[in-house]
């Protein structure tokens, strides 16, 4: 199982990944922190925390403490990071991003330490985040993966299906449900859901990125590059996608050279005539 989580506070972004068995990596933003998972479900968790900017003193204090917490998390100082996130929650109990940061941290530690108490705490915090912000994409991702990891994939699917049903005009629920279906090998359903998402919102950069990822995994590298570039045209703040496009372009160039070499070799006459 591969799990990636992004904590973002202010302008700071952090990524971690858990890996068990097959890798299904989505591109990292800053760096990967490896640790072992506890279940056999192969999932990819992509959690992007969108910073909230407010004019009130409490929100600014909360955002600053989230930023410090993220930096501590990057350094592996998880207890200190959680202390900052807790202080952020006390400064502004209505900031859903703080609950997400706490949930993602407990989630990571719970999986790493095989600690069900920490995992239960993460689940409660994800739900608190959704109580405050009912369409918080990142908390839905985190909670869905946690449910699947803990042997409840049916509840993970129900969670995202209900989110989509309750928000028929939103593309994001379909993008996340597509990711989950794809991780369970249900490619056709995943593709259909992405098509639905793009029909609702043709400018959804996450849908184009997910579509590109599916193309890449299917071996259609040229179309993957097209889809990634479409995502970047809509949202240029995706450094990991620039890296993916560059890597795929190198692979495509190498394949073209290989094909050219093979064609040139194939046109050589087996017994060229003697001319001198």
Protein backbone atom coordinates (compact mmCIF):
# COMPACT_ATOMS: atom_id res chain seq x y z
CA UNK A 1 0.00 0.00 0.00
CA UNK A 2 1.23 3.49 -0.77
CA UNK A 3 0.02 6.44 1.23
CA UNK A 4 0.95 10.02 0.63
CA UNK A 5 -0.21 12.90 2.76
CA UNK A 6 0.33 16.58 2.33
CA UNK A 7 0.15 19.03 5.20
CA UNK A 8 0.02 22.66 4.17
CA UNK A 9 -0.13 25.69 6.41
CA UNK A 10 0.42 29.17 5.08
CA UNK A 11 2.85 28.66 2.20
CA UNK A 12 4.44 25.51 3.67
CA UNK A 13 3.79 22.10 2.19
CA UNK A 14 4.76 18.66 3.52
CA UNK A 15 4.40 15.21 2.06
CA UNK A 16 4.77 11.73 3.52
CA UNK A 17 4.24 8.29 2.05
CA UNK A 18 3.54 4.89 3.54
CA UNK A 19 4.36 1.93 1.37
CA UNK A 20 3.38 -1.70 1.64
CA UNK A 21 3.69 -4.11 -1.27
CA UNK A 22 3.03 -2.62 -4.71
CA UNK A 23 3.91 1.03 -5.19
CA UNK A 24 1.34 3.32 -6.72
CA UNK A 25 3.11 6.62 -6.11
CA UNK A 26 1.62 9.94 -6.95
CA UNK A 27 4.35 12.55 -7.27
CA UNK A 28 5.64 14.11 -4.02
CA UNK A 29 5.85 17.83 -3.38
CA UNK A 30 8.80 18.03 -1.01
CA UNK A 31 10.02 14.62 0.14
CA UNK A 32 8.89 11.12 1.03
CA UNK A 33 9.01 9.74 4.56
CA UNK A 34 8.82 5.95 4.39
CA UNK A 35 7.15 3.68 6.90
CA UNK A 36 5.32 0.35 6.93
CA UNK A 37 1.55 -0.02 6.66
CA UNK A 38 -0.64 -2.47 8.55
CA UNK A 39 -3.19 -3.65 5.98
CA UNK A 40 -2.99 -5.31 2.60
CA UNK A 41 -5.30 -2.88 0.83
CA UNK A 42 -3.32 -1.07 -1.86
CA UNK A 43 -4.30 2.57 -1.79
CA UNK A 44 -2.82 5.92 -2.56
CA UNK A 45 -3.70 8.75 -0.21
CA UNK A 46 -3.25 12.17 -1.65
CA UNK A 47 -4.03 14.79 0.94
CA UNK A 48 -3.65 18.42 -0.04
CA UNK A 49 -4.42 20.94 2.66
CA UNK A 50 -5.51 24.29 1.25
CA UNK A 51 -4.51 27.12 3.61
CA UNK A 52 -7.21 29.41 4.95
CA UNK A 53 -6.34 33.08 5.11
CA UNK A 54 -8.31 35.32 7.42
CA UNK A 55 -8.03 38.81 8.76
CA UNK A 56 -8.74 37.91 12.38
CA UNK A 57 -5.90 37.57 14.86
CA UNK A 58 -6.95 34.07 15.91
CA UNK A 59 -6.84 32.74 12.35
CA UNK A 60 -3.44 34.29 11.71
CA UNK A 61 -2.11 32.79 14.95
CA UNK A 62 -3.58 29.41 14.06
CA UNK A 63 -2.04 29.51 10.57
CA UNK A 64 1.37 30.42 11.98
CA UNK A 65 1.28 27.53 14.43
CA UNK A 66 0.23 25.17 11.63
CA UNK A 67 3.22 26.35 9.61
CA UNK A 68 5.60 25.67 12.50
CA UNK A 69 3.95 22.28 13.03
CA UNK A 70 4.47 21.34 9.41
CA UNK A 71 8.15 22.29 9.61
CA UNK A 72 8.57 20.16 12.73
CA UNK A 73 6.82 17.26 11.01
CA UNK A 74 9.27 17.51 8.12
CA UNK A 75 12.09 17.18 10.65
CA UNK A 76 10.54 14.04 12.14
CA UNK A 77 9.69 15.84 15.39
CA UNK A 78 6.14 14.54 15.48
CA UNK A 79 5.36 15.13 19.16
CA UNK A 80 6.40 18.78 18.85
CA UNK A 81 4.43 19.08 15.62
CA UNK A 82 1.30 17.82 17.30
CA UNK A 83 1.85 20.28 20.15
CA UNK A 84 1.85 23.12 17.61
CA UNK A 85 -1.28 21.77 15.93
CA UNK A 86 -3.00 21.51 19.32
CA UNK A 87 -2.07 25.11 20.10
CA UNK A 88 -3.44 26.08 16.70
CA UNK A 89 -6.71 24.36 17.56
CA UNK A 90 -6.91 26.25 20.84
CA UNK A 91 -6.25 29.55 19.06
CA UNK A 92 -8.96 28.86 16.48
CA UNK A 93 -11.22 25.85 17.12
CA UNK A 94 -13.06 26.55 13.84
CA UNK A 95 -10.09 26.08 11.49
CA UNK A 96 -10.74 22.74 9.70
CA UNK A 97 -7.19 22.60 8.36
CA UNK A 98 -5.86 22.25 11.90
CA UNK A 99 -8.04 19.19 12.44
CA UNK A 100 -6.78 17.80 9.15
CA UNK A 101 -3.14 18.34 10.15
CA UNK A 102 -3.75 16.59 13.46
CA UNK A 103 -5.66 13.75 11.82
CA UNK A 104 -3.00 13.17 9.17
CA UNK A 105 -0.28 13.12 11.84
CA UNK A 106 -2.14 10.65 14.06
CA UNK A 107 -2.89 8.61 10.93
CA UNK A 108 0.79 8.42 9.99
CA UNK A 109 1.92 7.53 13.50
CA UNK A 110 -0.90 5.05 14.01
CA UNK A 111 0.02 3.14 10.85
CA UNK A 112 3.76 3.35 11.58
CA UNK A 113 3.34 2.08 15.15
CA UNK A 114 0.41 -0.28 14.42
CA UNK A 115 -1.45 1.58 17.13
CA UNK A 116 -5.24 1.32 16.86
CA UNK A 117 -5.76 4.01 19.48
CA UNK A 118 -3.91 6.55 17.34
CA UNK A 119 -5.80 5.40 14.25
CA UNK A 120 -9.11 5.83 16.09
CA UNK A 121 -8.02 9.32 17.12
CA UNK A 122 -7.19 10.13 13.49
CA UNK A 123 -10.63 8.93 12.40
CA UNK A 124 -12.33 11.15 14.99
CA UNK A 125 -10.30 14.18 13.90
CA UNK A 126 -11.06 13.63 10.22
CA UNK A 127 -14.75 13.61 11.12
CA UNK A 128 -14.39 16.77 13.19
CA UNK A 129 -12.76 18.43 10.20
CA UNK A 130 -15.75 17.45 8.04
CA UNK A 131 -18.18 18.68 10.71
CA UNK A 132 -16.64 22.14 10.32
CA UNK A 133 -16.04 21.99 6.56
CA UNK A 134 -18.46 19.48 4.95
CA UNK A 135 -16.68 19.49 1.57
CA UNK A 136 -13.07 19.40 2.80
CA UNK A 137 -11.50 17.31 0.02
CA UNK A 138 -8.38 16.37 1.94
CA UNK A 139 -10.25 15.09 4.97
CA UNK A 140 -12.45 12.98 2.74
CA UNK A 141 -9.34 11.46 1.15
CA UNK A 142 -7.72 10.79 4.49
CA UNK A 143 -10.81 9.29 6.06
CA UNK A 144 -11.54 7.09 3.02
CA UNK A 145 -8.04 5.64 3.05
CA UNK A 146 -8.08 5.15 6.82
CA UNK A 147 -11.35 3.20 6.52
CA UNK A 148 -9.97 1.02 3.75
CA UNK A 149 -6.68 0.48 5.58
CA UNK A 150 -8.50 -0.64 8.70
CA UNK A 151 -10.45 -3.33 6.85
CA UNK A 152 -13.52 -1.26 6.00
CA UNK A 153 -13.28 -0.63 2.25
CA UNK A 154 -17.07 -0.84 1.94
CA UNK A 155 -17.39 2.13 4.29
CA UNK A 156 -14.70 4.01 2.34
CA UNK A 157 -16.70 3.62 -0.86
CA UNK A 158 -19.94 4.52 0.93
CA UNK A 159 -18.34 7.65 2.37
CA UNK A 160 -17.27 8.96 -1.03
CA UNK A 161 -20.44 7.84 -2.84
CA UNK A 162 -22.57 9.67 -0.29
CA UNK A 163 -20.41 12.76 -0.66
CA UNK A 164 -20.90 12.65 -4.44
CA UNK A 165 -24.65 12.01 -4.12
CA UNK A 166 -25.09 14.92 -1.72
CA UNK A 167 -23.15 17.25 -4.03
CA UNK A 168 -24.30 16.43 -7.58
CA UNK A 169 -22.70 19.55 -9.06
CA UNK A 170 -19.24 19.10 -7.49
CA UNK A 171 -16.43 17.45 -9.43
CA UNK A 172 -14.11 16.76 -6.47
CA UNK A 173 -16.14 13.89 -4.95
CA UNK A 174 -16.04 12.07 -8.29
CA UNK A 175 -12.31 12.62 -8.63
CA UNK A 176 -11.69 11.11 -5.19
CA UNK A 177 -14.09 8.23 -5.79
CA UNK A 178 -12.32 7.61 -9.09
CA UNK A 179 -8.97 7.37 -7.28
CA UNK A 180 -10.39 4.80 -4.88
CA UNK A 181 -11.87 2.66 -7.65
CA UNK A 182 -8.59 2.83 -9.55
CA UNK A 183 -6.63 1.67 -6.53
CA UNK A 184 -8.94 -1.34 -6.28
CA UNK A 185 -8.31 -2.19 -9.92
CA UNK A 186 -11.69 -0.96 -11.19
CA UNK A 187 -10.22 1.03 -14.07
CA UNK A 188 -13.32 1.41 -16.22
CA UNK A 189 -15.38 2.78 -13.34
CA UNK A 190 -12.52 5.10 -12.40
CA UNK A 191 -12.30 6.47 -15.94
CA UNK A 192 -16.07 6.97 -16.11
CA UNK A 193 -16.03 8.94 -12.86
CA UNK A 194 -13.25 11.18 -14.13
CA UNK A 195 -15.23 11.83 -17.30
CA UNK A 196 -18.20 12.81 -15.10
CA UNK A 197 -15.97 15.10 -13.05
CA UNK A 198 -14.62 16.85 -16.13
CA UNK A 199 -18.13 17.20 -17.55
CA UNK A 200 -19.06 19.04 -14.36
CA UNK A 201 -15.86 21.08 -14.23
CA UNK A 202 -13.61 21.04 -17.34
CA UNK A 203 -11.16 23.26 -15.47
CA UNK A 204 -10.56 20.85 -12.58
CA UNK A 205 -6.79 20.45 -12.53
CA UNK A 206 -6.95 17.48 -10.15
CA UNK A 207 -9.19 15.57 -12.56
CA UNK A 208 -6.78 16.16 -15.44
CA UNK A 209 -3.85 15.11 -13.26
CA UNK A 210 -5.64 11.92 -12.21
CA UNK A 211 -6.52 11.21 -15.84
CA UNK A 212 -2.87 11.66 -16.79
CA UNK A 213 -1.83 9.27 -14.05
CA UNK A 214 -4.19 6.61 -15.36
CA UNK A 215 -2.82 7.07 -18.88
CA UNK A 216 0.73 6.82 -17.60
CA UNK A 217 0.06 3.60 -15.69
CA UNK A 218 -1.65 2.18 -18.78
CA UNK A 219 1.47 2.90 -20.86
CA UNK A 220 -0.07 5.69 -22.94
CA UNK A 221 2.74 8.13 -22.21
CA UNK A 222 1.98 10.65 -24.93
CA UNK A 223 -1.61 11.13 -23.77
CA UNK A 224 -0.43 11.21 -20.16
CA UNK A 225 1.81 14.17 -21.00
CA UNK A 226 -1.09 15.93 -22.72
CA UNK A 227 -3.32 15.45 -19.67
CA UNK A 228 -0.60 16.54 -17.24
CA UNK A 229 0.06 19.64 -19.32
CA UNK A 230 -3.65 20.46 -19.28
CA UNK A 231 -3.59 20.19 -15.48
CA UNK A 232 -0.56 22.48 -15.31
CA UNK A 233 -2.22 25.02 -17.61
CA UNK A 234 -5.05 25.22 -15.08
CA UNK A 235 -2.83 25.16 -11.98
CA UNK A 236 0.86 25.92 -12.42
CA UNK A 237 1.62 25.40 -8.71
CA UNK A 238 2.26 21.68 -9.13
CA UNK A 239 6.04 21.17 -9.17
CA UNK A 240 5.64 17.39 -9.01
CA UNK A 241 3.76 17.43 -12.31
CA UNK A 242 6.51 19.40 -14.01
CA UNK A 243 8.88 16.65 -12.88
CA UNK A 244 6.56 13.94 -14.20
CA UNK A 245 6.22 15.66 -17.58
CA UNK A 246 9.99 16.08 -17.85
CA UNK A 247 10.56 12.42 -16.97
CA UNK A 248 7.94 11.22 -19.45
CA UNK A 249 9.35 13.40 -22.22
CA UNK A 250 12.75 11.81 -21.65
CA UNK A 251 11.21 8.34 -21.88
CA UNK A 252 9.34 9.27 -25.05
CA UNK A 253 12.53 10.64 -26.60
CA UNK A 254 14.41 7.44 -25.71
CA UNK A 255 11.65 5.34 -27.25
CA UNK A 256 11.76 7.44 -30.41
CA UNK A 257 15.53 6.97 -30.67
CA UNK A 258 15.14 3.23 -30.16
CA UNK A 259 12.47 3.03 -32.87
CA UNK A 260 14.61 5.09 -35.27
CA UNK A 261 17.59 2.84 -34.64
CA UNK A 262 15.52 -0.28 -35.21
CA UNK A 263 14.10 1.13 -38.45
CA UNK A 264 17.54 2.07 -39.71
CA UNK A 265 18.87 -1.38 -38.89
CA UNK A 266 15.90 -3.00 -40.58
CA UNK A 267 16.50 -1.15 -43.86
CA UNK A 268 20.06 -2.42 -44.24
CA UNK A 269 20.28 -4.94 -47.09
CA UNK A 270 21.29 -8.38 -45.93
CA UNK A 271 23.72 -8.90 -48.85
CA UNK A 272 24.64 -5.48 -50.26
CA UNK A 273 25.91 -5.66 -53.88
CA UNK A 274 29.62 -5.28 -54.54
CA UNK A 275 30.25 -2.01 -56.35
CA UNK A 276 34.04 -2.01 -56.36
